[in-house]
PDB file of all heavy atoms in Angstrom:
ATOM      1  N   LYS A   1     -21.500  21.718  -9.114  1.00  0.00           N
ATOM      2  CA  LYS A   1     -21.728  20.380  -9.650  1.00  0.00           C
ATOM      3  C   LYS A   1     -20.419  19.775 -10.155  1.00  0.00           C
ATOM      4  O   LYS A   1     -20.112  18.612  -9.879  1.00  0.00           O
ATOM      5  CB  LYS A   1     -22.760  20.447 -10.781  1.00  0.00           C
ATOM      6  CG  LYS A   1     -23.190  19.107 -11.297  1.00  0.00           C
ATOM      7  CD  LYS A   1     -24.304  19.251 -12.324  1.00  0.00           C
ATOM      8  CE  LYS A   1     -24.771  17.901 -12.808  1.00  0.00           C
ATOM      9  NZ  LYS A   1     -25.854  18.010 -13.779  1.00  0.00           N
ATOM     10  N   ARG A   2     -19.621  20.554 -10.876  1.00  0.00           N
ATOM     11  CA  ARG A   2     -18.328  20.064 -11.361  1.00  0.00           C
ATOM     12  C   ARG A   2     -17.401  19.714 -10.207  1.00  0.00           C
ATOM     13  O   ARG A   2     -16.692  18.703 -10.259  1.00  0.00           O
ATOM     14  CB  ARG A   2     -17.679  21.115 -12.256  1.00  0.00           C
ATOM     15  CG  ARG A   2     -18.324  21.221 -13.608  1.00  0.00           C
ATOM     16  CD  ARG A   2     -17.567  22.170 -14.509  1.00  0.00           C
ATOM     17  NE  ARG A   2     -18.285  22.358 -15.740  1.00  0.00           N
ATOM     18  CZ  ARG A   2     -18.481  23.522 -16.330  1.00  0.00           C
ATOM     19  NH1 ARG A   2     -17.997  24.622 -15.797  1.00  0.00           N
ATOM     20  NH2 ARG A   2     -19.153  23.605 -17.456  1.00  0.00           N
ATOM     21  N   ALA A   3     -17.385  20.535  -9.170  1.00  0.00           N
ATOM     22  CA  ALA A   3     -16.518  20.278  -8.018  1.00  0.00           C
ATOM     23  C   ALA A   3     -16.925  18.977  -7.325  1.00  0.00           C
ATOM     24  O   ALA A   3     -16.062  18.167  -6.954  1.00  0.00           O
ATOM     25  CB  ALA A   3     -16.590  21.448  -7.041  1.00  0.00           C
ATOM     26  N   LYS A   4     -18.221  18.774  -7.166  1.00  0.00           N
ATOM     27  CA  LYS A   4     -18.698  17.538  -6.529  1.00  0.00           C
ATOM     28  C   LYS A   4     -18.345  16.312  -7.368  1.00  0.00           C
ATOM     29  O   LYS A   4     -17.933  15.288  -6.843  1.00  0.00           O
ATOM     30  CB  LYS A   4     -20.211  17.599  -6.306  1.00  0.00           C
ATOM     31  CG  LYS A   4     -20.610  18.519  -5.181  1.00  0.00           C
ATOM     32  CD  LYS A   4     -22.111  18.519  -4.989  1.00  0.00           C
ATOM     33  CE  LYS A   4     -22.525  19.471  -3.887  1.00  0.00           C
ATOM     34  NZ  LYS A   4     -23.971  19.488  -3.695  1.00  0.00           N
ATOM     35  N   LEU A   5     -18.502  16.423  -8.687  1.00  0.00           N
ATOM     36  CA  LEU A   5     -18.159  15.309  -9.564  1.00  0.00           C
ATOM     37  C   LEU A   5     -16.660  15.010  -9.522  1.00  0.00           C
ATOM     38  O   LEU A   5     -16.247  13.850  -9.516  1.00  0.00           O
ATOM     39  CB  LEU A   5     -18.600  15.599 -10.998  1.00  0.00           C
ATOM     40  CG  LEU A   5     -20.107  15.583 -11.251  1.00  0.00           C
ATOM     41  CD1 LEU A   5     -20.416  16.058 -12.674  1.00  0.00           C
ATOM     42  CD2 LEU A   5     -20.664  14.198 -11.028  1.00  0.00           C
ATOM     43  N   ALA A   6     -15.842  16.061  -9.462  1.00  0.00           N
ATOM     44  CA  ALA A   6     -14.391  15.867  -9.394  1.00  0.00           C
ATOM     45  C   ALA A   6     -13.999  15.189  -8.082  1.00  0.00           C
ATOM     46  O   ALA A   6     -13.154  14.287  -8.068  1.00  0.00           O
ATOM     47  CB  ALA A   6     -13.684  17.206  -9.535  1.00  0.00           C
ATOM     48  N   GLU A   7     -14.616  15.625  -6.974  1.00  0.00           N
ATOM     49  CA  GLU A   7     -14.337  15.005  -5.671  1.00  0.00           C
ATOM     50  C   GLU A   7     -14.726  13.531  -5.680  1.00  0.00           C
ATOM     51  O   GLU A   7     -13.996  12.680  -5.179  1.00  0.00           O
ATOM     52  CB  GLU A   7     -15.082  15.735  -4.563  1.00  0.00           C
ATOM     53  CG  GLU A   7     -14.515  17.096  -4.234  1.00  0.00           C
ATOM     54  CD  GLU A   7     -15.355  17.833  -3.204  1.00  0.00           C
ATOM     55  OE1 GLU A   7     -16.211  17.205  -2.555  1.00  0.00           O
ATOM     56  OE2 GLU A   7     -15.148  19.045  -3.048  1.00  0.00           O
ATOM     57  N   ALA A   8     -15.877  13.237  -6.256  1.00  0.00           N
ATOM     58  CA  ALA A   8     -16.332  11.848  -6.318  1.00  0.00           C
ATOM     59  C   ALA A   8     -15.388  10.998  -7.168  1.00  0.00           C
ATOM     60  O   ALA A   8     -15.071   9.861  -6.812  1.00  0.00           O
ATOM     61  CB  ALA A   8     -17.753  11.789  -6.873  1.00  0.00           C
ATOM     62  N   ALA A   9     -14.903  11.557  -8.270  1.00  0.00           N
ATOM     63  CA  ALA A   9     -13.972  10.816  -9.126  1.00  0.00           C
ATOM     64  C   ALA A   9     -12.660  10.544  -8.394  1.00  0.00           C
ATOM     65  O   ALA A   9     -12.117   9.441  -8.465  1.00  0.00           O
ATOM     66  CB  ALA A   9     -13.713  11.606 -10.406  1.00  0.00           C
ATOM     67  N   GLU A  10     -12.153  11.536  -7.668  1.00  0.00           N
ATOM     68  CA  GLU A  10     -10.918  11.343  -6.894  1.00  0.00           C
ATOM     69  C   GLU A  10     -11.118  10.270  -5.826  1.00  0.00           C
ATOM     70  O   GLU A  10     -10.241   9.427  -5.614  1.00  0.00           O
ATOM     71  CB  GLU A  10     -10.498  12.649  -6.240  1.00  0.00           C
ATOM     72  CG  GLU A  10      -9.940  13.670  -7.207  1.00  0.00           C
ATOM     73  CD  GLU A  10      -9.587  14.979  -6.526  1.00  0.00           C
ATOM     74  OE1 GLU A  10      -9.599  15.040  -5.279  1.00  0.00           O
ATOM     75  OE2 GLU A  10      -9.301  15.947  -7.249  1.00  0.00           O
ATOM     76  N   ARG A  11     -12.248  10.308  -5.164  1.00  0.00           N
ATOM     77  CA  ARG A  11     -12.549   9.323  -4.128  1.00  0.00           C
ATOM     78  C   ARG A  11     -12.587   7.909  -4.713  1.00  0.00           C
ATOM     79  O   ARG A  11     -12.032   6.968  -4.149  1.00  0.00           O
ATOM     80  CB  ARG A  11     -13.898   9.660  -3.474  1.00  0.00           C
ATOM     81  CG  ARG A  11     -14.026   9.217  -2.057  1.00  0.00           C
ATOM     82  CD  ARG A  11     -15.313   9.670  -1.390  1.00  0.00           C
ATOM     83  NE  ARG A  11     -15.689  11.041  -1.686  1.00  0.00           N
ATOM     84  CZ  ARG A  11     -16.831  11.407  -2.281  1.00  0.00           C
ATOM     85  NH1 ARG A  11     -17.710  10.508  -2.647  1.00  0.00           N
ATOM     86  NH2 ARG A  11     -17.089  12.664  -2.515  1.00  0.00           N
ATOM     87  N   ARG A  12     -13.216   7.774  -5.880  1.00  0.00           N
ATOM     88  CA  ARG A  12     -13.279   6.456  -6.536  1.00  0.00           C
ATOM     89  C   ARG A  12     -11.887   5.969  -6.918  1.00  0.00           C
ATOM     90  O   ARG A  12     -11.570   4.789  -6.776  1.00  0.00           O
ATOM     91  CB  ARG A  12     -14.171   6.517  -7.777  1.00  0.00           C
ATOM     92  CG  ARG A  12     -15.650   6.504  -7.475  1.00  0.00           C
ATOM     93  CD  ARG A  12     -16.469   6.226  -8.724  1.00  0.00           C
ATOM     94  NE  ARG A  12     -16.207   7.176  -9.801  1.00  0.00           N
ATOM     95  CZ  ARG A  12     -16.828   8.342  -9.955  1.00  0.00           C
ATOM     96  NH1 ARG A  12     -17.739   8.718  -9.093  1.00  0.00           N
ATOM     97  NH2 ARG A  12     -16.524   9.132 -10.963  1.00  0.00           N
ATOM     98  N   GLN A  13     -11.033   6.870  -7.410  1.00  0.00           N
ATOM     99  CA  GLN A  13      -9.680   6.486  -7.785  1.00  0.00           C
ATOM    100  C   GLN A  13      -8.882   6.029  -6.573  1.00  0.00           C
ATOM    101  O   GLN A  13      -8.161   5.036  -6.634  1.00  0.00           O
ATOM    102  CB  GLN A  13      -8.954   7.646  -8.470  1.00  0.00           C
ATOM    103  CG  GLN A  13      -9.440   7.898  -9.876  1.00  0.00           C
ATOM    104  CD  GLN A  13      -8.745   9.084 -10.515  1.00  0.00           C
ATOM    105  OE1 GLN A  13      -8.137   9.898  -9.832  1.00  0.00           O
ATOM    106  NE2 GLN A  13      -8.850   9.184 -11.838  1.00  0.00           N
ATOM    107  N   LYS A  14      -9.002   6.746  -5.462  1.00  0.00           N
ATOM    108  CA  LYS A  14      -8.290   6.366  -4.242  1.00  0.00           C
ATOM    109  C   LYS A  14      -8.777   5.008  -3.739  1.00  0.00           C
ATOM    110  O   LYS A  14      -7.975   4.175  -3.319  1.00  0.00           O
ATOM    111  CB  LYS A  14      -8.492   7.425  -3.155  1.00  0.00           C
ATOM    112  CG  LYS A  14      -7.715   8.689  -3.406  1.00  0.00           C
ATOM    113  CD  LYS A  14      -7.956   9.691  -2.299  1.00  0.00           C
ATOM    114  CE  LYS A  14      -7.250  11.007  -2.584  1.00  0.00           C
ATOM    115  NZ  LYS A  14      -7.526  12.000  -1.543  1.00  0.00           N
ATOM    116  N   GLU A  15     -10.076   4.795  -3.768  1.00  0.00           N
ATOM    117  CA  GLU A  15     -10.633   3.520  -3.321  1.00  0.00           C
ATOM    118  C   GLU A  15     -10.164   2.377  -4.220  1.00  0.00           C
ATOM    119  O   GLU A  15      -9.826   1.303  -3.741  1.00  0.00           O
ATOM    120  CB  GLU A  15     -12.159   3.586  -3.299  1.00  0.00           C
ATOM    121  CG  GLU A  15     -12.707   4.452  -2.191  1.00  0.00           C
ATOM    122  CD  GLU A  15     -14.215   4.646  -2.284  1.00  0.00           C
ATOM    123  OE1 GLU A  15     -14.835   4.089  -3.215  1.00  0.00           O
ATOM    124  OE2 GLU A  15     -14.760   5.357  -1.429  1.00  0.00           O
ATOM    125  N   ALA A  16     -10.123   2.618  -5.513  1.00  0.00           N
ATOM    126  CA  ALA A  16      -9.686   1.579  -6.447  1.00  0.00           C
ATOM    127  C   ALA A  16      -8.207   1.272  -6.254  1.00  0.00           C
ATOM    128  O   ALA A  16      -7.792   0.114  -6.352  1.00  0.00           O
ATOM    129  CB  ALA A  16      -9.951   2.012  -7.884  1.00  0.00           C
ATOM    130  N   ALA A  17      -7.416   2.301  -5.967  1.00  0.00           N
ATOM    131  CA  ALA A  17      -5.977   2.104  -5.788  1.00  0.00           C
ATOM    132  C   ALA A  17      -5.675   1.324  -4.523  1.00  0.00           C
ATOM    133  O   ALA A  17      -4.727   0.549  -4.471  1.00  0.00           O
ATOM    134  CB  ALA A  17      -5.270   3.451  -5.755  1.00  0.00           C
ATOM    135  N   SER A  18      -6.478   1.525  -3.500  1.00  0.00           N
ATOM    136  CA  SER A  18      -6.183   0.864  -2.230  1.00  0.00           C
ATOM    137  C   SER A  18      -7.123  -0.305  -1.950  1.00  0.00           C
ATOM    138  O   SER A  18      -7.182  -0.785  -0.836  1.00  0.00           O
ATOM    139  CB  SER A  18      -6.280   1.875  -1.091  1.00  0.00           C
ATOM    140  OG  SER A  18      -7.612   2.324  -0.957  1.00  0.00           O
ATOM    141  N   ARG A  19      -7.832  -0.753  -2.959  1.00  0.00           N
ATOM    142  CA  ARG A  19      -8.782  -1.848  -2.761  1.00  0.00           C
ATOM    143  C   ARG A  19      -8.050  -3.092  -2.270  1.00  0.00           C
ATOM    144  O   ARG A  19      -7.038  -3.486  -2.801  1.00  0.00           O
ATOM    145  CB  ARG A  19      -9.503  -2.161  -4.070  1.00  0.00           C
ATOM    146  CG  ARG A  19     -10.621  -3.164  -3.897  1.00  0.00           C
ATOM    147  CD  ARG A  19     -11.442  -3.291  -5.150  1.00  0.00           C
ATOM    148  NE  ARG A  19     -12.190  -2.051  -5.368  1.00  0.00           N
ATOM    149  CZ  ARG A  19     -12.253  -1.432  -6.529  1.00  0.00           C
ATOM    150  NH1 ARG A  19     -11.610  -1.888  -7.570  1.00  0.00           N
ATOM    151  NH2 ARG A  19     -12.958  -0.340  -6.661  1.00  0.00           N
ATOM    152  N   GLY A  20      -8.562  -3.682  -1.238  1.00  0.00           N
ATOM    153  CA  GLY A  20      -7.970  -4.892  -0.696  1.00  0.00           C
ATOM    154  C   GLY A  20      -6.949  -4.629   0.382  1.00  0.00           C
ATOM    155  O   GLY A  20      -6.609  -5.522   1.139  1.00  0.00           O
ATOM    156  N   ILE A  21      -6.445  -3.432   0.495  1.00  0.00           N
ATOM    157  CA  ILE A  21      -5.478  -3.105   1.537  1.00  0.00           C
ATOM    158  C   ILE A  21      -6.212  -2.304   2.605  1.00  0.00           C
ATOM    159  O   ILE A  21      -6.559  -1.148   2.401  1.00  0.00           O
ATOM    160  CB  ILE A  21      -4.299  -2.296   0.973  1.00  0.00           C
ATOM    161  CG1 ILE A  21      -3.601  -3.092  -0.119  1.00  0.00           C
ATOM    162  CG2 ILE A  21      -3.340  -1.917   2.081  1.00  0.00           C
ATOM    163  CD1 ILE A  21      -2.495  -2.336  -0.813  1.00  0.00           C
ATOM    164  N   LEU A  22      -6.431  -2.951   3.747  1.00  0.00           N
ATOM    165  CA  LEU A  22      -7.163  -2.283   4.809  1.00  0.00           C
ATOM    166  C   LEU A  22      -6.229  -1.473   5.696  1.00  0.00           C
ATOM    167  O   LEU A  22      -6.581  -0.403   6.154  1.00  0.00           O
ATOM    168  CB  LEU A  22      -7.921  -3.306   5.651  1.00  0.00           C
ATOM    169  CG  LEU A  22      -8.945  -4.130   4.874  1.00  0.00           C
ATOM    170  CD1 LEU A  22      -9.589  -5.157   5.787  1.00  0.00           C
ATOM    171  CD2 LEU A  22     -10.010  -3.243   4.279  1.00  0.00           C
ATOM    172  N   ASP A  23      -5.037  -1.994   5.963  1.00  0.00           N
ATOM    173  CA  ASP A  23      -4.100  -1.312   6.842  1.00  0.00           C
ATOM    174  C   ASP A  23      -2.777  -1.156   6.109  1.00  0.00           C
ATOM    175  O   ASP A  23      -1.963  -2.072   6.072  1.00  0.00           O
ATOM    176  CB  ASP A  23      -3.918  -2.111   8.134  1.00  0.00           C
ATOM    177  CG  ASP A  23      -3.116  -1.359   9.166  1.00  0.00           C
ATOM    178  OD1 ASP A  23      -2.765  -0.190   8.918  1.00  0.00           O
ATOM    179  OD2 ASP A  23      -2.833  -1.933  10.229  1.00  0.00           O
ATOM    180  N   VAL A  24      -2.555   0.014   5.524  1.00  0.00           N
ATOM    181  CA  VAL A  24      -1.376   0.261   4.711  1.00  0.00           C
ATOM    182  C   VAL A  24      -0.112   0.145   5.555  1.00  0.00           C
ATOM    183  O   VAL A  24       0.903  -0.382   5.102  1.00  0.00           O
ATOM    184  CB  VAL A  24      -1.457   1.654   4.041  1.00  0.00           C
ATOM    185  CG1 VAL A  24      -0.200   1.958   3.253  1.00  0.00           C
ATOM    186  CG2 VAL A  24      -2.681   1.730   3.149  1.00  0.00           C
ATOM    187  N   GLN A  25      -0.169   0.596   6.794  1.00  0.00           N
ATOM    188  CA  GLN A  25       1.016   0.567   7.663  1.00  0.00           C
ATOM    189  C   GLN A  25       1.475  -0.868   7.922  1.00  0.00           C
ATOM    190  O   GLN A  25       2.671  -1.166   7.875  1.00  0.00           O
ATOM    191  CB  GLN A  25       0.717   1.273   8.974  1.00  0.00           C
ATOM    192  CG  GLN A  25       1.937   1.420   9.867  1.00  0.00           C
ATOM    193  CD  GLN A  25       1.635   2.196  11.127  1.00  0.00           C
ATOM    194  OE1 GLN A  25       0.492   2.507  11.410  1.00  0.00           O
ATOM    195  NE2 GLN A  25       2.660   2.511  11.877  1.00  0.00           N
ATOM    196  N   SER A  26       0.551  -1.782   8.177  1.00  0.00           N
ATOM    197  CA  SER A  26       0.939  -3.167   8.441  1.00  0.00           C
ATOM    198  C   SER A  26       1.550  -3.807   7.193  1.00  0.00           C
ATOM    199  O   SER A  26       2.471  -4.616   7.293  1.00  0.00           O
ATOM    200  CB  SER A  26      -0.249  -3.991   8.923  1.00  0.00           C
ATOM    201  OG  SER A  26      -1.185  -4.177   7.892  1.00  0.00           O
ATOM    202  N   VAL A  27       1.060  -3.433   6.019  1.00  0.00           N
ATOM    203  CA  VAL A  27       1.619  -3.967   4.772  1.00  0.00           C
ATOM    204  C   VAL A  27       3.063  -3.495   4.618  1.00  0.00           C
ATOM    205  O   VAL A  27       3.946  -4.276   4.246  1.00  0.00           O
ATOM    206  CB  VAL A  27       0.764  -3.540   3.563  1.00  0.00           C
ATOM    207  CG1 VAL A  27       1.441  -3.909   2.265  1.00  0.00           C
ATOM    208  CG2 VAL A  27      -0.615  -4.158   3.646  1.00  0.00           C
ATOM    209  N   GLU A  28       3.318  -2.225   4.935  1.00  0.00           N
ATOM    210  CA  GLU A  28       4.685  -1.698   4.853  1.00  0.00           C
ATOM    211  C   GLU A  28       5.602  -2.413   5.839  1.00  0.00           C
ATOM    212  O   GLU A  28       6.734  -2.756   5.511  1.00  0.00           O
ATOM    213  CB  GLU A  28       4.691  -0.192   5.137  1.00  0.00           C
ATOM    214  CG  GLU A  28       4.149   0.636   4.004  1.00  0.00           C
ATOM    215  CD  GLU A  28       5.019   0.575   2.771  1.00  0.00           C
ATOM    216  OE1 GLU A  28       6.254   0.607   2.908  1.00  0.00           O
ATOM    217  OE2 GLU A  28       4.473   0.488   1.669  1.00  0.00           O
ATOM    218  N   GLU A  29       5.120  -2.663   7.062  1.00  0.00           N
ATOM    219  CA  GLU A  29       5.929  -3.360   8.062  1.00  0.00           C
ATOM    220  C   GLU A  29       6.259  -4.779   7.596  1.00  0.00           C
ATOM    221  O   GLU A  29       7.402  -5.234   7.748  1.00  0.00           O
ATOM    222  CB  GLU A  29       5.199  -3.409   9.404  1.00  0.00           C
ATOM    223  CG  GLU A  29       5.105  -2.059  10.085  1.00  0.00           C
ATOM    224  CD  GLU A  29       4.239  -2.092  11.336  1.00  0.00           C
ATOM    225  OE1 GLU A  29       3.761  -3.182  11.721  1.00  0.00           O
ATOM    226  OE2 GLU A  29       4.039  -1.028  11.931  1.00  0.00           O
ATOM    227  N   LYS A  30       5.291  -5.480   7.038  1.00  0.00           N
ATOM    228  CA  LYS A  30       5.527  -6.841   6.538  1.00  0.00           C
ATOM    229  C   LYS A  30       6.553  -6.831   5.413  1.00  0.00           C
ATOM    230  O   LYS A  30       7.422  -7.699   5.345  1.00  0.00           O
ATOM    231  CB  LYS A  30       4.219  -7.466   6.051  1.00  0.00           C
ATOM    232  CG  LYS A  30       3.281  -7.847   7.159  1.00  0.00           C
ATOM    233  CD  LYS A  30       2.002  -8.439   6.599  1.00  0.00           C
ATOM    234  CE  LYS A  30       1.010  -8.742   7.697  1.00  0.00           C
ATOM    235  NZ  LYS A  30      -0.243  -9.270   7.166  1.00  0.00           N
ATOM    236  N   ARG A  31       6.462  -5.856   4.522  1.00  0.00           N
ATOM    237  CA  ARG A  31       7.406  -5.760   3.416  1.00  0.00           C
ATOM    238  C   ARG A  31       8.817  -5.527   3.937  1.00  0.00           C
ATOM    239  O   ARG A  31       9.779  -6.168   3.478  1.00  0.00           O
ATOM    240  CB  ARG A  31       7.001  -4.629   2.479  1.00  0.00           C
ATOM    241  CG  ARG A  31       7.894  -4.516   1.249  1.00  0.00           C
ATOM    242  CD  ARG A  31       7.528  -3.326   0.378  1.00  0.00           C
ATOM    243  NE  ARG A  31       7.565  -2.067   1.086  1.00  0.00           N
ATOM    244  CZ  ARG A  31       8.696  -1.375   1.343  1.00  0.00           C
ATOM    245  NH1 ARG A  31       9.846  -1.844   0.962  1.00  0.00           N
ATOM    246  NH2 ARG A  31       8.648  -0.228   1.987  1.00  0.00           N
ATOM    247  N   LYS A  32       8.959  -4.643   4.928  1.00  0.00           N
ATOM    248  CA  LYS A  32      10.281  -4.366   5.496  1.00  0.00           C
ATOM    249  C   LYS A  32      10.838  -5.608   6.197  1.00  0.00           C
ATOM    250  O   LYS A  32      12.031  -5.905   6.070  1.00  0.00           O
ATOM    251  CB  LYS A  32      10.205  -3.199   6.476  1.00  0.00           C
ATOM    252  CG  LYS A  32      10.022  -1.869   5.789  1.00  0.00           C
ATOM    253  CD  LYS A  32       9.928  -0.732   6.768  1.00  0.00           C
ATOM    254  CE  LYS A  32       9.681   0.588   6.060  1.00  0.00           C
ATOM    255  NZ  LYS A  32       9.546   1.696   7.007  1.00  0.00           N
ATOM    256  N   ARG A  33      10.001  -6.334   6.927  1.00  0.00           N
ATOM    257  CA  ARG A  33      10.449  -7.561   7.598  1.00  0.00           C
ATOM    258  C   ARG A  33      10.921  -8.580   6.573  1.00  0.00           C
ATOM    259  O   ARG A  33      11.955  -9.223   6.748  1.00  0.00           O
ATOM    260  CB  ARG A  33       9.323  -8.157   8.448  1.00  0.00           C
ATOM    261  CG  ARG A  33       9.408  -7.737   9.900  1.00  0.00           C
ATOM    262  CD  ARG A  33       8.417  -8.519  10.730  1.00  0.00           C
ATOM    263  NE  ARG A  33       7.330  -7.596  11.053  1.00  0.00           N
ATOM    264  CZ  ARG A  33       6.045  -7.815  10.893  1.00  0.00           C
ATOM    265  NH1 ARG A  33       5.616  -8.961  10.436  1.00  0.00           N
ATOM    266  NH2 ARG A  33       5.152  -6.911  11.205  1.00  0.00           N
ATOM    267  N   LYS A  34      10.172  -8.720   5.507  1.00  0.00           N
ATOM    268  CA  LYS A  34      10.525  -9.681   4.463  1.00  0.00           C
ATOM    269  C   LYS A  34      11.859  -9.313   3.824  1.00  0.00           C
ATOM    270  O   LYS A  34      12.720 -10.176   3.606  1.00  0.00           O
ATOM    271  CB  LYS A  34       9.422  -9.722   3.403  1.00  0.00           C
ATOM    272  CG  LYS A  34       9.654 -10.739   2.315  1.00  0.00           C
ATOM    273  CD  LYS A  34       8.510 -10.749   1.331  1.00  0.00           C
ATOM    274  CE  LYS A  34       8.777 -11.731   0.209  1.00  0.00           C
ATOM    275  NZ  LYS A  34       7.740 -11.713  -0.807  1.00  0.00           N
ATOM    276  N   GLU A  35      12.064  -8.023   3.529  1.00  0.00           N
ATOM    277  CA  GLU A  35      13.328  -7.570   2.956  1.00  0.00           C
ATOM    278  C   GLU A  35      14.485  -7.841   3.915  1.00  0.00           C
ATOM    279  O   GLU A  35      15.567  -8.256   3.492  1.00  0.00           O
ATOM    280  CB  GLU A  35      13.257  -6.086   2.618  1.00  0.00           C
ATOM    281  CG  GLU A  35      12.393  -5.771   1.418  1.00  0.00           C
ATOM    282  CD  GLU A  35      12.261  -4.276   1.165  1.00  0.00           C
ATOM    283  OE1 GLU A  35      12.790  -3.471   1.966  1.00  0.00           O
ATOM    284  OE2 GLU A  35      11.616  -3.914   0.169  1.00  0.00           O
ATOM    285  N   LYS A  36      14.272  -7.627   5.203  1.00  0.00           N
ATOM    286  CA  LYS A  36      15.315  -7.847   6.206  1.00  0.00           C
ATOM    287  C   LYS A  36      15.704  -9.326   6.250  1.00  0.00           C
ATOM    288  O   LYS A  36      16.893  -9.673   6.266  1.00  0.00           O
ATOM    289  CB  LYS A  36      14.823  -7.391   7.579  1.00  0.00           C
ATOM    290  CG  LYS A  36      15.841  -7.504   8.675  1.00  0.00           C
ATOM    291  CD  LYS A  36      15.282  -7.019   9.990  1.00  0.00           C
ATOM    292  CE  LYS A  36      16.274  -7.209  11.125  1.00  0.00           C
ATOM    293  NZ  LYS A  36      15.715  -6.807  12.414  1.00  0.00           N
ATOM    294  N   ILE A  37      14.714 -10.201   6.228  1.00  0.00           N
ATOM    295  CA  ILE A  37      14.982 -11.644   6.256  1.00  0.00           C
ATOM    296  C   ILE A  37      15.723 -12.067   4.997  1.00  0.00           C
ATOM    297  O   ILE A  37      16.675 -12.836   5.056  1.00  0.00           O
ATOM    298  CB  ILE A  37      13.659 -12.429   6.433  1.00  0.00           C
ATOM    299  CG1 ILE A  37      13.097 -12.195   7.828  1.00  0.00           C
ATOM    300  CG2 ILE A  37      13.872 -13.910   6.167  1.00  0.00           C
ATOM    301  CD1 ILE A  37      11.686 -12.733   8.032  1.00  0.00           C
ATOM    302  N   GLU A  38      15.298 -11.557   3.848  1.00  0.00           N
ATOM    303  CA  GLU A  38      15.967 -11.896   2.592  1.00  0.00           C
ATOM    304  C   GLU A  38      17.423 -11.428   2.613  1.00  0.00           C
ATOM    305  O   GLU A  38      18.319 -12.130   2.145  1.00  0.00           O
ATOM    306  CB  GLU A  38      15.225 -11.284   1.412  1.00  0.00           C
ATOM    307  CG  GLU A  38      13.904 -11.954   1.107  1.00  0.00           C
ATOM    308  CD  GLU A  38      13.135 -11.252   0.011  1.00  0.00           C
ATOM    309  OE1 GLU A  38      13.557 -10.166  -0.442  1.00  0.00           O
ATOM    310  OE2 GLU A  38      12.091 -11.789  -0.401  1.00  0.00           O
ATOM    311  N   LYS A  39      17.673 -10.252   3.166  1.00  0.00           N
ATOM    312  CA  LYS A  39      19.033  -9.726   3.249  1.00  0.00           C
ATOM    313  C   LYS A  39      19.881 -10.605   4.173  1.00  0.00           C
ATOM    314  O   LYS A  39      21.033 -10.906   3.866  1.00  0.00           O
ATOM    315  CB  LYS A  39      19.002  -8.292   3.756  1.00  0.00           C
ATOM    316  CG  LYS A  39      20.342  -7.607   3.755  1.00  0.00           C
ATOM    317  CD  LYS A  39      20.228  -6.168   4.197  1.00  0.00           C
ATOM    318  CE  LYS A  39      21.585  -5.494   4.204  1.00  0.00           C
ATOM    319  NZ  LYS A  39      21.501  -4.118   4.677  1.00  0.00           N
ATOM    320  N   GLN A  40      19.312 -11.024   5.312  1.00  0.00           N
ATOM    321  CA  GLN A  40      20.043 -11.880   6.240  1.00  0.00           C
ATOM    322  C   GLN A  40      20.382 -13.212   5.581  1.00  0.00           C
ATOM    323  O   GLN A  40      21.478 -13.735   5.742  1.00  0.00           O
ATOM    324  CB  GLN A  40      19.239 -12.123   7.512  1.00  0.00           C
ATOM    325  CG  GLN A  40      19.180 -10.936   8.445  1.00  0.00           C
ATOM    326  CD  GLN A  40      18.291 -11.204   9.653  1.00  0.00           C
ATOM    327  OE1 GLN A  40      17.570 -12.197   9.694  1.00  0.00           O
ATOM    328  NE2 GLN A  40      18.348 -10.303  10.627  1.00  0.00           N
ATOM    329  N   MET A  41      19.446 -13.759   4.842  1.00  0.00           N
ATOM    330  CA  MET A  41      19.683 -15.037   4.179  1.00  0.00           C
ATOM    331  C   MET A  41      20.763 -14.898   3.102  1.00  0.00           C
ATOM    332  O   MET A  41      21.564 -15.806   2.896  1.00  0.00           O
ATOM    333  CB  MET A  41      18.393 -15.586   3.580  1.00  0.00           C
ATOM    334  CG  MET A  41      17.389 -16.031   4.625  1.00  0.00           C
ATOM    335  SD  MET A  41      15.887 -16.677   3.900  1.00  0.00           S
ATOM    336  CE  MET A  41      16.477 -18.238   3.285  1.00  0.00           C
ATOM    337  N   ALA A  42      20.796 -13.760   2.431  1.00  0.00           N
ATOM    338  CA  ALA A  42      21.794 -13.552   1.376  1.00  0.00           C
ATOM    339  C   ALA A  42      23.195 -13.399   1.969  1.00  0.00           C
ATOM    340  O   ALA A  42      24.169 -13.837   1.364  1.00  0.00           O
ATOM    341  CB  ALA A  42      21.426 -12.327   0.560  1.00  0.00           C
ATOM    342  N   THR A  43      23.290 -12.790   3.141  1.00  0.00           N
ATOM    343  CA  THR A  43      24.601 -12.569   3.746  1.00  0.00           C
ATOM    344  C   THR A  43      25.069 -13.759   4.579  1.00  0.00           C
ATOM    345  O   THR A  43      26.256 -13.874   4.865  1.00  0.00           O
ATOM    346  CB  THR A  43      24.595 -11.310   4.630  1.00  0.00           C
ATOM    347  OG1 THR A  43      23.604 -11.459   5.645  1.00  0.00           O
ATOM    348  CG2 THR A  43      24.323 -10.070   3.806  1.00  0.00           C
ATOM    349  N   SER A  44      24.172 -14.635   4.966  1.00  0.00           N
ATOM    350  CA  SER A  44      24.584 -15.787   5.773  1.00  0.00           C
ATOM    351  C   SER A  44      25.260 -16.816   4.879  1.00  0.00           C
ATOM    352  O   SER A  44      25.032 -16.878   3.676  1.00  0.00           O
ATOM    353  CB  SER A  44      23.384 -16.407   6.489  1.00  0.00           C
ATOM    354  OG  SER A  44      22.507 -16.975   5.552  1.00  0.00           O
ATOM    355  N   ARG A  45      26.099 -17.630   5.475  1.00  0.00           N
ATOM    356  CA  ARG A  45      26.825 -18.625   4.687  1.00  0.00           C
ATOM    357  C   ARG A  45      25.885 -19.773   4.317  1.00  0.00           C
ATOM    358  O   ARG A  45      24.930 -20.068   5.043  1.00  0.00           O
ATOM    359  CB  ARG A  45      28.039 -19.125   5.443  1.00  0.00           C
ATOM    360  CG  ARG A  45      27.702 -19.759   6.762  1.00  0.00           C
ATOM    361  CD  ARG A  45      28.981 -20.053   7.531  1.00  0.00           C
ATOM    362  NE  ARG A  45      28.607 -20.411   8.886  1.00  0.00           N
ATOM    363  CZ  ARG A  45      28.864 -21.578   9.431  1.00  0.00           C
ATOM    364  NH1 ARG A  45      29.509 -22.499   8.768  1.00  0.00           N
ATOM    365  NH2 ARG A  45      28.488 -21.840  10.659  1.00  0.00           N
TER     366      ARG A  45
END
């Protein structure tokens, strides 16, 4: 019973942490693209 409750609590925490983010990989790609554009703009005259 304790093991099942612990698993359920971990599952709820993971769901709460990633709520709203369906595809973590695409979010990372967008962040990297945004950083690249910002860097280009900073280095351009």
